[in-house]
Protein backbone atom coordinates (compact mmCIF):
# COMPACT_ATOMS: atom_id res chain seq x y z
CA MET A 1 -74.65 165.35 -285.97
CA GLU A 2 -72.54 168.44 -286.33
CA LYS A 3 -74.34 169.92 -283.33
CA LEU A 4 -73.69 166.85 -281.24
CA LYS A 5 -70.01 166.73 -281.95
CA PRO A 6 -69.12 169.12 -279.07
CA LEU A 7 -71.14 166.96 -276.69
CA ILE A 8 -69.51 163.83 -277.95
CA LYS A 9 -66.16 165.49 -277.73
CA HIS A 10 -66.68 166.50 -274.06
CA HIS A 11 -68.97 163.63 -273.01
CA PHE A 12 -66.53 162.48 -270.34
CA TRP A 13 -66.71 165.72 -268.43
CA ILE A 14 -70.45 165.99 -268.87
CA LEU A 15 -71.03 162.48 -267.53
CA SER A 16 -68.60 163.12 -264.68
CA GLY A 17 -70.59 166.21 -263.69
CA VAL A 18 -73.88 164.30 -263.79
CA VAL A 19 -72.41 161.53 -261.63
CA VAL A 20 -71.10 164.05 -259.11
CA LEU A 21 -74.44 165.81 -258.85
CA ALA A 22 -76.26 162.50 -258.52
CA SER A 23 -73.87 161.38 -255.81
CA ILE A 24 -74.39 164.58 -253.90
CA GLY A 25 -78.16 164.22 -254.18
CA VAL A 26 -78.10 160.63 -253.00
CA GLY A 27 -75.81 161.57 -250.10
CA VAL A 28 -78.09 164.41 -248.95
CA TRP A 29 -81.16 162.17 -249.16
CA SER A 30 -79.44 159.39 -247.21
CA TRP A 31 -78.29 161.83 -244.50
CA MET A 32 -81.81 163.21 -244.10
CA ALA A 33 -83.33 159.73 -243.99
CA ALA A 34 -80.79 158.54 -241.42
CA GLY A 35 -81.44 161.60 -239.20
CA ASP A 36 -85.17 160.97 -239.33
CA LEU A 37 -84.61 157.31 -238.40
CA ILE A 38 -82.34 158.27 -235.50
CA ASN A 39 -84.93 160.71 -234.17
CA ARG A 40 -87.69 158.09 -234.37
CA GLN A 41 -85.58 155.48 -232.60
CA LYS A 42 -84.49 157.98 -229.94
CA SER A 43 -88.12 158.88 -229.32
CA ASP A 44 -89.01 155.20 -228.94
CA ILE A 45 -86.19 154.67 -226.43
CA LEU A 46 -87.20 157.69 -224.33
CA SER A 47 -90.82 156.52 -224.36
CA ALA A 48 -89.80 153.06 -223.14
CA GLU A 49 -87.58 154.62 -220.46
CA THR A 50 -90.47 156.77 -219.22
CA LYS A 51 -92.71 153.71 -218.92
CA ALA A 52 -90.02 151.87 -216.97
CA LYS A 53 -89.59 154.80 -214.59
CA ASN A 54 -93.31 154.95 -213.99
CA VAL A 55 -93.24 151.35 -212.81
CA THR A 56 -90.07 151.56 -210.69
CA SER A 57 -91.11 154.81 -208.98
CA VAL A 58 -94.53 153.60 -207.85
CA ARG A 59 -95.38 155.04 -204.43
CA ALA A 60 -97.29 153.19 -201.77
CA GLU A 61 -100.21 155.62 -202.00
CA VAL A 62 -101.29 154.47 -205.47
CA ALA A 63 -104.81 155.68 -204.80
CA ASP A 64 -103.47 159.24 -205.14
CA ALA A 65 -101.49 158.51 -208.30
CA ALA A 66 -102.58 159.73 -211.70
CA GLY A 67 -104.42 156.72 -212.98
CA PRO A 68 -102.76 153.86 -214.84
CA SER A 69 -99.71 155.95 -215.78
CA VAL A 70 -97.85 154.56 -212.76
CA HIS A 71 -98.42 150.99 -213.85
CA PRO A 72 -98.19 149.29 -217.19
CA ASN A 73 -101.92 148.55 -217.13
CA ASP A 74 -105.13 149.08 -215.18
CA GLU A 75 -105.20 145.52 -213.90
CA THR A 76 -101.80 145.89 -212.22
CA LEU A 77 -102.87 149.22 -210.72
CA ALA A 78 -106.04 147.69 -209.26
CA GLY A 79 -104.13 144.71 -207.88
CA MET A 80 -101.47 146.84 -206.20
CA THR A 81 -104.10 149.15 -204.73
CA LYS A 82 -105.91 146.16 -203.23
CA GLU A 83 -102.69 144.72 -201.74
CA ILE A 84 -101.64 148.03 -200.21
CA ASP A 85 -105.09 148.66 -198.73
CA SER A 86 -105.01 145.18 -197.22
CA GLY A 87 -101.58 145.88 -195.74
CA LYS A 88 -102.81 149.13 -194.23
CA ASP A 89 -105.73 147.30 -192.61
CA GLU A 90 -103.36 144.74 -191.08
CA VAL A 91 -101.05 147.46 -189.74
CA LEU A 92 -103.98 149.36 -188.24
CA ALA A 93 -105.39 146.20 -186.64
CA ALA A 94 -102.01 145.32 -185.08
CA TRP A 95 -101.47 148.93 -184.00
CA THR A 96 -104.90 149.06 -182.35
CA LYS A 97 -104.28 145.76 -180.54
CA LEU A 98 -100.86 146.81 -179.21
CA PHE A 99 -102.20 150.15 -178.02
CA SER A 100 -105.19 148.53 -176.30
CA GLU A 101 -102.83 146.20 -174.40
CA GLN A 102 -100.82 149.15 -173.05
CA LYS A 103 -103.66 151.63 -172.64
CA ASP A 104 -104.23 151.02 -168.93
CA LEU A 105 -100.49 151.32 -168.27
CA LEU A 106 -100.34 154.76 -169.85
CA SER A 107 -102.65 156.42 -167.31
CA TRP A 108 -101.37 158.62 -164.51
CA PRO A 109 -99.52 156.27 -162.12
CA GLY A 110 -101.06 155.77 -158.71
CA ASN A 111 -104.31 157.44 -159.78
CA VAL A 112 -102.66 160.67 -158.73
CA MET A 113 -104.75 162.83 -161.02
CA ASP A 114 -108.37 163.76 -160.40
CA PRO A 115 -110.35 162.23 -163.32
CA ASN A 116 -112.11 165.55 -163.85
CA VAL A 117 -108.72 167.19 -164.39
CA ALA A 118 -107.02 164.28 -166.15
CA LYS A 119 -109.68 164.04 -168.88
CA HIS A 120 -108.59 167.41 -170.27
CA PHE A 121 -105.09 166.06 -170.93
CA ASP A 122 -105.57 162.33 -171.53
CA SER A 123 -107.11 162.82 -174.97
CA LEU A 124 -104.13 164.89 -176.17
CA ARG A 125 -101.34 163.30 -178.16
CA PRO A 126 -98.16 165.19 -177.23
CA GLU A 127 -96.43 164.39 -180.51
CA GLN A 128 -99.24 166.05 -182.45
CA LEU A 129 -99.34 169.22 -180.37
CA LYS A 130 -97.74 172.24 -181.95
CA PHE A 131 -94.93 173.56 -179.79
CA ASP A 132 -94.92 177.35 -179.92
CA PRO A 133 -93.55 179.14 -176.83
CA ASN A 134 -94.61 182.46 -178.35
CA SER A 135 -98.31 181.56 -178.40
CA SER A 136 -100.88 180.36 -175.85
CA GLU A 137 -103.30 179.15 -178.49
CA GLY A 138 -104.78 175.71 -177.81
CA GLU A 139 -103.85 175.67 -174.13
CA VAL A 140 -106.00 173.76 -171.65
CA ARG A 141 -107.74 176.12 -169.21
CA GLU A 142 -105.34 177.63 -166.69
CA LEU A 143 -107.51 176.41 -163.80
CA PHE A 144 -106.78 172.77 -164.65
CA ARG A 145 -103.10 173.41 -165.29
CA LYS A 146 -102.76 175.08 -161.89
CA GLN A 147 -104.39 172.05 -160.27
CA VAL A 148 -101.75 169.83 -161.86
CA LYS A 149 -99.03 171.94 -160.27
CA THR A 150 -100.49 171.62 -156.76
CA ILE A 151 -100.75 167.81 -156.93
CA PHE A 152 -97.17 166.76 -157.58
CA PRO A 153 -95.26 168.03 -154.53
CA ARG A 154 -96.95 165.18 -152.61
CA PHE A 155 -96.86 162.68 -155.43
CA LEU A 156 -93.13 161.98 -155.80
CA PRO A 157 -92.58 161.11 -152.12
CA ALA A 158 -95.33 158.51 -152.46
CA LEU A 159 -93.71 157.15 -155.62
CA VAL A 160 -90.35 156.89 -153.85
CA THR A 161 -91.78 154.87 -150.98
CA SER A 162 -93.53 152.55 -153.45
CA VAL A 163 -90.16 150.82 -153.99
CA ARG A 164 -89.58 150.79 -150.23
CA ALA A 165 -87.09 153.63 -150.38
CA LYS A 166 -86.92 156.68 -148.11
CA TRP A 167 -87.87 160.17 -149.23
CA ASN A 168 -84.59 161.94 -148.41
CA ALA A 169 -85.46 165.38 -149.75
CA GLU A 170 -87.87 166.41 -146.96
CA ASP A 171 -85.43 168.89 -145.43
CA VAL A 172 -85.09 170.71 -148.75
CA THR A 173 -88.62 170.49 -150.14
CA GLY A 174 -90.57 170.55 -146.91
CA GLU A 175 -92.66 167.63 -148.16
CA ALA A 176 -92.86 164.85 -145.63
CA ASP A 177 -93.17 161.21 -146.50
CA LYS A 178 -96.95 160.86 -146.60
CA ALA A 179 -97.11 157.52 -148.35
CA PRO A 180 -98.46 154.52 -146.44
CA SER A 181 -95.97 151.88 -145.42
CA VAL A 182 -95.55 149.06 -147.90
CA VAL A 183 -96.77 146.06 -145.95
CA ALA A 184 -97.40 142.64 -147.40
CA SER A 185 -100.54 141.99 -145.38
CA ASP A 186 -101.03 138.45 -146.67
CA GLU A 187 -97.55 137.47 -145.59
CA ALA A 188 -97.11 139.57 -142.47
CA LYS A 189 -97.71 137.33 -139.44
CA ASP A 190 -96.72 139.49 -136.50
CA ASP A 191 -95.67 142.97 -135.53
CA MET A 192 -91.98 142.24 -136.10
CA GLU A 193 -92.60 141.13 -139.67
CA LYS A 194 -94.79 144.18 -140.30
CA LEU A 195 -91.99 146.37 -139.01
CA MET A 196 -89.51 144.66 -141.32
CA PHE A 197 -91.76 145.21 -144.34
CA SER A 198 -92.23 148.87 -143.49
CA GLU A 199 -88.49 149.59 -143.27
CA PRO A 200 -86.72 150.92 -146.39
CA ILE A 201 -84.69 148.34 -148.29
CA VAL A 202 -83.52 150.55 -151.18
CA ASP A 203 -81.39 153.66 -150.90
CA TRP A 204 -82.41 156.19 -153.58
CA ALA A 205 -79.78 158.92 -154.02
CA LEU A 206 -80.91 162.36 -152.84
CA SER A 207 -79.51 164.01 -155.98
CA ASP A 208 -81.74 161.87 -158.19
CA GLN A 209 -84.78 162.38 -155.97
CA MET A 210 -84.22 166.13 -156.19
CA LYS A 211 -83.88 165.91 -159.97
CA TRP A 212 -87.24 164.18 -160.31
CA TYR A 213 -88.85 166.45 -157.72
CA ASP A 214 -87.70 169.49 -159.66
CA LEU A 215 -89.04 167.94 -162.88
CA THR A 216 -92.49 167.48 -161.36
CA THR A 217 -92.76 170.80 -159.54
CA ASN A 218 -90.72 173.39 -161.43
CA PHE A 219 -92.09 174.27 -164.86
CA LYS A 220 -90.01 177.36 -165.61
CA ARG A 221 -88.44 175.76 -168.67
CA ASN A 222 -89.26 174.89 -172.28
CA GLY A 223 -90.00 178.54 -172.98
CA ASN A 224 -92.70 178.73 -170.30
CA GLN A 225 -93.34 182.43 -169.73
CA SER A 226 -95.79 182.04 -166.85
CA VAL A 227 -94.83 184.30 -163.95
CA ASP A 228 -95.90 181.80 -161.30
CA GLY A 229 -94.62 178.77 -163.21
CA THR A 230 -98.01 177.33 -164.16
CA PRO A 231 -97.25 174.42 -166.49
CA THR A 232 -98.14 174.62 -170.15
CA THR A 233 -100.30 171.95 -171.72
CA ILE A 234 -97.39 170.39 -173.56
CA GLN A 235 -95.36 170.25 -170.33
CA VAL A 236 -98.17 168.38 -168.59
CA VAL A 237 -98.57 165.73 -171.30
CA TYR A 238 -94.83 165.11 -171.50
CA LEU A 239 -94.62 164.99 -167.71
CA LYS A 240 -97.24 162.28 -167.84
CA GLU A 241 -95.05 160.30 -170.26
CA ASN A 242 -92.06 160.71 -167.94
CA LEU A 243 -94.00 159.53 -164.91
CA VAL A 244 -95.41 156.54 -166.80
CA LEU A 245 -91.87 155.51 -167.75
CA LEU A 246 -90.52 156.23 -164.26
CA ASN A 247 -93.29 154.13 -162.78
CA GLY A 248 -92.43 151.37 -165.27
CA VAL A 249 -88.81 151.38 -164.05
CA LEU A 250 -89.90 151.33 -160.42
CA GLU A 251 -92.17 148.37 -161.15
CA ILE A 252 -89.07 146.49 -162.35
CA ILE A 253 -87.23 147.37 -159.13
CA LYS A 254 -90.22 146.36 -156.99
CA GLU A 255 -90.47 143.03 -158.80
CA ALA A 256 -86.74 142.35 -158.37
CA ASN A 257 -87.02 143.04 -154.62
CA LYS A 258 -90.47 141.60 -153.98
CA ASP A 259 -89.22 138.75 -151.76
CA ALA A 260 -86.85 140.89 -149.70
CA SER A 261 -87.78 141.65 -146.11
CA VAL A 262 -84.47 143.30 -145.17
CA PRO A 263 -81.98 145.28 -147.28
CA SER A 264 -79.45 142.43 -147.39
CA GLN A 265 -81.98 140.27 -149.28
CA ALA A 266 -82.67 142.84 -151.99
CA ALA A 267 -81.33 142.33 -155.50
CA ILE A 268 -81.20 146.10 -156.04
CA ARG A 269 -79.82 147.95 -153.03
CA GLU A 270 -79.27 151.47 -154.33
CA ILE A 271 -80.75 153.69 -157.03
CA ASN A 272 -78.13 156.21 -158.05
CA SER A 273 -79.84 157.57 -161.14
CA ILE A 274 -82.83 156.98 -163.39
CA MET A 275 -82.41 158.80 -166.68
CA ILE A 276 -85.03 158.98 -169.42
CA GLY A 277 -85.00 160.45 -172.92
CA LYS A 278 -82.37 163.00 -173.89
CA GLU A 279 -80.60 162.75 -170.53
CA ALA A 280 -80.23 158.98 -170.91
CA HIS A 281 -78.74 159.29 -174.38
CA GLU A 282 -76.29 162.09 -173.54
CA ALA A 283 -75.06 160.76 -170.18
CA LYS A 284 -71.36 160.00 -169.93
CA PRO A 285 -70.50 156.31 -169.57
CA LEU A 286 -70.02 154.87 -166.13
CA GLU A 287 -66.32 155.18 -165.30
CA VAL A 288 -64.01 152.65 -163.69
CA ASP A 289 -62.13 155.09 -161.49
CA ASN A 290 -65.22 156.83 -160.13
CA PRO A 291 -68.28 154.60 -160.28
CA ALA A 292 -71.45 155.59 -158.46
CA GLY A 293 -71.12 154.62 -154.83
CA GLY A 294 -67.99 153.70 -152.91
CA ALA A 295 -65.53 156.28 -151.64
CA GLY A 296 -65.14 158.18 -154.92
CA GLY A 297 -68.81 157.74 -155.69
CA ALA A 298 -69.83 159.08 -152.29
CA MET A 299 -67.84 162.25 -152.93
CA ALA A 300 -69.36 162.65 -156.39
CA ASP A 301 -72.84 162.03 -154.98
CA ALA A 302 -72.26 164.63 -152.24
CA GLU A 303 -71.22 167.17 -154.85
CA GLY A 304 -74.22 166.21 -156.94
CA ARG A 305 -76.49 166.74 -153.95
CA MET A 306 -75.13 170.21 -153.39
CA ASP A 307 -75.56 171.11 -157.06
CA MET A 308 -79.10 169.74 -157.15
CA MET A 309 -80.14 171.55 -153.95
CA LYS A 310 -78.61 174.79 -155.23
CA GLN A 311 -80.44 174.42 -158.54
CA TYR A 312 -83.66 173.56 -156.74
CA MET A 313 -83.51 176.65 -154.54
CA GLU A 314 -82.74 178.86 -157.53
CA ASN A 315 -85.73 177.45 -159.39
CA MET A 316 -88.02 177.95 -156.42
CA LEU A 317 -86.86 181.57 -156.19
CA GLY A 318 -87.55 182.12 -159.86
CA GLY A 319 -84.07 181.57 -161.24
CA GLY A 320 -83.08 179.25 -164.03
CA ASN A 321 -85.96 180.29 -166.27
CA ASP A 322 -85.13 179.94 -169.94
CA ALA A 323 -88.03 182.20 -170.88
CA ASN A 324 -86.48 185.57 -170.08
CA SER A 325 -87.50 187.13 -173.39
CA THR A 326 -90.96 187.67 -174.75
CA THR A 327 -90.11 186.14 -178.12
CA VAL A 328 -88.30 182.87 -178.79
CA SER A 329 -86.60 182.39 -182.15
CA ALA A 330 -87.42 179.39 -184.34
CA SER A 331 -84.01 177.79 -183.79
CA ASP A 332 -84.26 178.22 -180.01
CA ALA A 333 -87.83 176.93 -180.02
CA GLU A 334 -86.71 173.63 -181.54
CA LYS A 335 -84.18 173.10 -178.76
CA LEU A 336 -86.74 174.02 -176.09
CA ASP A 337 -89.27 171.56 -177.46
CA PRO A 338 -89.70 168.67 -174.95
CA ALA A 339 -89.63 166.26 -177.90
CA HIS A 340 -86.18 167.43 -179.03
CA LEU A 341 -83.76 164.47 -178.90
CA ARG A 342 -86.21 162.66 -176.60
CA TYR A 343 -86.82 159.64 -178.83
CA ILE A 344 -84.36 157.50 -180.77
CA ASP A 345 -84.65 155.89 -184.17
CA LYS A 346 -84.00 152.27 -185.10
CA ASP A 347 -80.25 152.99 -185.21
CA PHE A 348 -80.36 154.40 -181.64
CA LYS A 349 -79.73 157.94 -182.82
CA PRO A 350 -81.72 160.81 -181.23
CA ILE A 351 -84.41 162.43 -183.36
CA GLU A 352 -84.66 166.21 -183.69
CA SER A 353 -88.02 167.65 -182.73
CA SER A 354 -88.66 169.26 -186.13
CA LYS A 355 -88.15 165.96 -187.93
CA TYR A 356 -90.18 164.07 -185.36
CA ARG A 357 -93.21 166.36 -185.42
CA GLN A 358 -93.13 166.56 -189.21
CA SER A 359 -93.10 162.77 -189.48
CA VAL A 360 -95.96 162.14 -187.05
CA SER A 361 -98.14 164.84 -188.61
CA SER A 362 -97.59 163.67 -192.19
CA ASN A 363 -100.31 161.67 -193.92
CA GLN A 364 -97.86 160.30 -196.47
CA LEU A 365 -96.32 156.88 -196.04
CA GLY A 366 -92.55 156.90 -195.88
CA PRO A 367 -89.49 155.54 -194.07
CA ASP A 368 -90.33 157.58 -190.95
CA SER A 369 -94.00 156.58 -190.68
CA TRP A 370 -93.14 154.27 -187.77
CA MET A 371 -92.75 157.35 -185.57
CA SER A 372 -96.53 157.74 -185.59
CA VAL A 373 -96.92 154.18 -184.31
CA VAL A 374 -94.36 153.65 -181.56
CA LYS A 375 -92.21 155.82 -179.31
CA ARG A 376 -88.71 154.54 -178.58
CA VAL A 377 -87.47 156.18 -175.39
CA PRO A 378 -83.89 155.53 -174.17
CA VAL A 379 -83.57 154.66 -170.48
CA ARG A 380 -80.35 154.53 -168.46
CA LEU A 381 -80.32 153.11 -164.93
CA ARG A 382 -77.40 153.36 -162.54
CA LEU A 383 -77.83 151.00 -159.63
CA ARG A 384 -75.89 149.15 -156.99
CA VAL A 385 -76.92 145.53 -157.07
CA ASP A 386 -76.13 142.09 -155.76
CA GLU A 387 -73.95 140.80 -158.58
CA ARG A 388 -75.20 137.26 -158.05
CA ARG A 389 -78.67 138.36 -159.14
CA ILE A 390 -77.88 140.42 -162.23
CA GLY A 391 -79.42 137.78 -164.48
CA GLU A 392 -82.60 137.92 -162.42
CA ILE A 393 -82.72 141.71 -162.72
CA LEU A 394 -82.36 141.53 -166.50
CA GLU A 395 -85.16 138.98 -166.59
CA LYS A 396 -87.43 141.40 -164.72
CA CYS A 397 -86.58 144.08 -167.30
CA ALA A 398 -87.68 141.82 -170.14
CA ASN A 399 -90.89 140.65 -168.43
CA ALA A 400 -92.05 144.03 -167.13
CA LYS A 401 -95.48 145.44 -168.01
CA ILE A 402 -93.67 148.05 -170.08
CA PRO A 403 -90.62 145.98 -171.08
CA LEU A 404 -87.17 147.53 -170.88
CA GLU A 405 -85.30 146.22 -173.90
CA VAL A 406 -81.76 146.02 -172.54
CA ARG A 407 -79.16 146.94 -175.15
CA GLN A 408 -76.05 147.30 -172.98
CA ILE A 409 -74.93 146.72 -169.42
CA THR A 410 -71.83 148.08 -167.73
CA LEU A 411 -70.52 146.36 -164.62
CA ILE A 412 -67.83 148.04 -162.55
CA GLY A 413 -65.66 145.83 -160.36
CA GLY A 414 -63.27 146.79 -157.58
CA GLU A 415 -60.73 145.34 -155.21
CA LEU A 416 -62.16 142.68 -152.91
CA PRO A 417 -61.70 143.62 -149.26
CA ALA A 418 -59.39 141.45 -147.19
CA GLU A 419 -62.23 140.09 -145.07
CA ALA A 420 -64.07 139.08 -148.23
CA VAL A 421 -61.05 137.16 -149.43
CA SER A 422 -60.88 135.29 -146.12
CA THR A 423 -64.43 134.09 -146.61
CA LEU A 424 -63.30 132.26 -149.73
CA GLY A 425 -61.07 129.85 -147.86
CA GLU A 426 -58.38 132.44 -147.00
CA LYS A 427 -57.23 132.57 -150.61
CA LYS A 428 -54.82 135.42 -151.22
CA GLY A 429 -54.42 137.47 -154.37
CA SER A 430 -58.13 137.68 -155.17
CA SER A 431 -58.92 140.56 -157.45
CA ARG A 432 -61.69 141.97 -159.58
CA LYS A 433 -61.00 145.04 -161.65
CA GLY A 434 -62.25 146.97 -164.61
CA PRO A 435 -65.58 147.51 -166.32
CA SER A 436 -67.45 144.81 -168.13
CA VAL A 437 -69.54 146.09 -171.00
CA ALA A 438 -71.92 143.79 -172.79
CA GLY A 439 -73.77 145.21 -175.74
CA SER A 440 -76.57 144.12 -178.02
CA ASP A 441 -74.01 142.58 -180.35
CA GLY A 442 -73.27 140.04 -177.66
CA GLY A 443 -69.72 141.23 -177.13
CA GLY A 444 -68.23 141.71 -173.70
CA SER A 445 -64.91 143.09 -172.62
CA GLY A 446 -62.93 144.28 -169.74
CA GLU A 447 -63.86 142.59 -166.51
CA SER A 448 -61.54 139.95 -165.25
CA MET A 449 -62.25 138.01 -162.12
CA THR A 450 -59.61 135.69 -160.82
CA ILE A 451 -59.25 133.94 -157.51
CA SER A 452 -55.90 132.25 -157.00
CA ASP A 453 -56.42 128.79 -155.55
CA ASP A 454 -53.41 126.56 -155.27
CA ASP A 455 -55.66 123.81 -154.01
CA GLY A 456 -57.76 123.85 -157.15
CA GLY A 457 -60.89 125.46 -155.76
CA GLY A 458 -62.78 128.70 -156.09
CA GLY A 459 -63.64 129.45 -159.68
CA GLY A 460 -66.11 132.19 -160.49
CA GLY A 461 -67.91 134.50 -158.17
CA GLY A 462 -67.92 132.39 -155.04
CA ALA A 463 -71.61 132.91 -154.24
CA GLY A 464 -71.53 130.21 -151.59
CA PRO A 465 -70.07 126.80 -150.83
CA ALA A 466 -70.82 125.68 -154.35
CA GLY A 467 -68.46 128.37 -155.62
CA VAL A 468 -65.40 126.95 -153.85
CA GLY A 469 -64.00 123.52 -154.35
CA GLY A 470 -60.99 121.47 -153.39
CA GLY A 471 -62.69 119.22 -150.84
CA LYS A 472 -61.05 121.19 -148.01
CA GLU A 473 -62.99 122.34 -144.95
CA GLN A 474 -63.35 126.13 -145.19
CA THR A 475 -65.02 128.90 -143.21
CA PHE A 476 -67.73 131.09 -144.75
CA LYS A 477 -69.66 134.10 -143.67
CA SER A 478 -73.31 134.32 -144.65
CA PRO A 479 -73.43 135.43 -148.32
CA GLU A 480 -76.25 137.83 -147.41
CA PHE A 481 -73.84 140.01 -145.45
CA ASN A 482 -70.78 139.89 -147.70
CA SER A 483 -70.60 143.50 -148.87
CA HIS A 484 -68.26 142.66 -151.74
CA PHE A 485 -71.21 141.22 -153.69
CA LEU A 486 -72.54 144.77 -154.20
CA VAL A 487 -71.39 146.25 -157.50
CA PRO A 488 -72.32 149.32 -159.54
CA LEU A 489 -74.38 148.31 -162.57
CA GLU A 490 -75.49 150.51 -165.45
CA ILE A 491 -78.32 149.34 -167.69
CA TYR A 492 -79.01 151.09 -170.99
CA GLY A 493 -82.08 150.12 -172.94
CA VAL A 494 -85.23 151.21 -174.72
CA MET A 495 -88.80 151.40 -173.51
CA LYS A 496 -91.43 151.32 -176.25
CA PHE A 497 -95.01 152.38 -175.98
CA TYR A 498 -97.59 152.83 -178.66
CA SER A 499 -99.45 155.97 -179.65
CA ALA A 500 -103.21 156.01 -180.08
CA PRO A 501 -104.08 154.59 -183.53
CA ALA A 502 -104.19 157.31 -186.17
CA PRO A 503 -105.59 156.00 -189.50
CA GLU A 504 -104.67 159.24 -191.23
CA ALA A 505 -100.99 158.46 -190.63
CA LEU A 506 -101.44 155.53 -193.01
CA GLY A 507 -103.53 157.45 -195.51
CA ARG A 508 -106.82 156.05 -194.16
CA THR A 509 -109.89 157.78 -192.77
CA PRO A 510 -111.03 157.15 -189.16
CA GLU A 511 -114.05 155.28 -190.51
CA GLU A 512 -111.71 152.80 -192.16
CA THR A 513 -110.04 151.82 -188.88
CA PRO A 514 -110.52 148.09 -188.30
CA ALA A 515 -111.66 146.86 -184.93
CA ALA A 516 -108.92 145.51 -182.67
CA PRO A 517 -108.83 141.70 -182.50
CA SER A 518 -110.21 140.23 -179.30
CA LEU A 519 -107.53 139.67 -176.66
């Protein structure tokens, strides 16, 4: 007991020390246990997050994915693979059908090309050709490319006369109008009627004819380094596209004027400009103060003619070649590519050539895969038309073999001449000013057309007796010869045509291409 007395005496401090040590031990153990629990729970959360990401980031090409890791289970993976393969088959079938419907329209217009020459180019897809102005690899034989160059000086005059217009560039180009007269043999009853059908009814501006003639005969552009201007393969295939689209536009004009035997009966009287691709997108809007045609327009057209003839002569003499150096840089090559800014996307924005060629050559599905399927080419037409038949012209655009999807029209009005006012019952104060722009959103603005009529008659355009009221006897000239019905009209739209089906663009092999449904 004597030995225990010191312990008993100091038992409070001893017990306090034991309690402190025990508390520390329990605290350390609890901290370690809590840390281990936190780490386990954190690991579980990260694992669940990874599984969720694998499901939400599933790509369309599940066949290339790493097994069931992209889906929560094998059954889901198999089901999604089956659905996507079925969707690809449907897209390929529709693509094949649409292409087959347009295939005949995408040949050289007017059978201008010798089949033995054409076959070397017709199988080429321009969007899949590699554009490299520094290399001649993959070019079609020079013999066939030279033959292409010799054909077109006579081709455009024939195309011009196909819409019953006159080839006005003969004095500059030396190419006479060799196209046969356009005669409706089934309807022509006598020599006078034949003569009427052979006379031009459409005036196609010389400046625009020269532009298209230069496009089809001068190939010293796009980095072409040929001394004699022999076209490159990529120039030929894109020229074919241009001519197909040009022919499509001319078919619309022919259809609009098919019943006209004299110019005064034509819905479309003048063609001021036909712009396709980059030119159509970058063109300045039609202006009120200086629309094509009229006094100001005549001056602008005369200046345009001089510029075009000067450019044409320079090109024929070897000037204007953008291939003055032996090597073209990568940045310059992109701008020289015929595909650069040629097509537009679904938001009507031009597509750079590098992006376009990368998209069409990719075998991965993505937001730009549609570029491999359809080409959206902007088209801008500047015409002088009979304003009473604008609706009819737009109808022909929609029902054409290669439809022109009209997105915007611009109509320029002007002061009505005094003699035109007198034909509307001698009503004074008639006016028509300003542009009218109607876009795809259905909005319209600008044009006002008012005809003062104290007697209560004459609303609207006054296309004939039905356009004037009031019950008062009035004097009219024949509407066919009232020049004030002719107005400048600009049409902006999109022409779409389908590329040849390419299963690899959808991640399929050629053997997996479904047959096109019967038409």
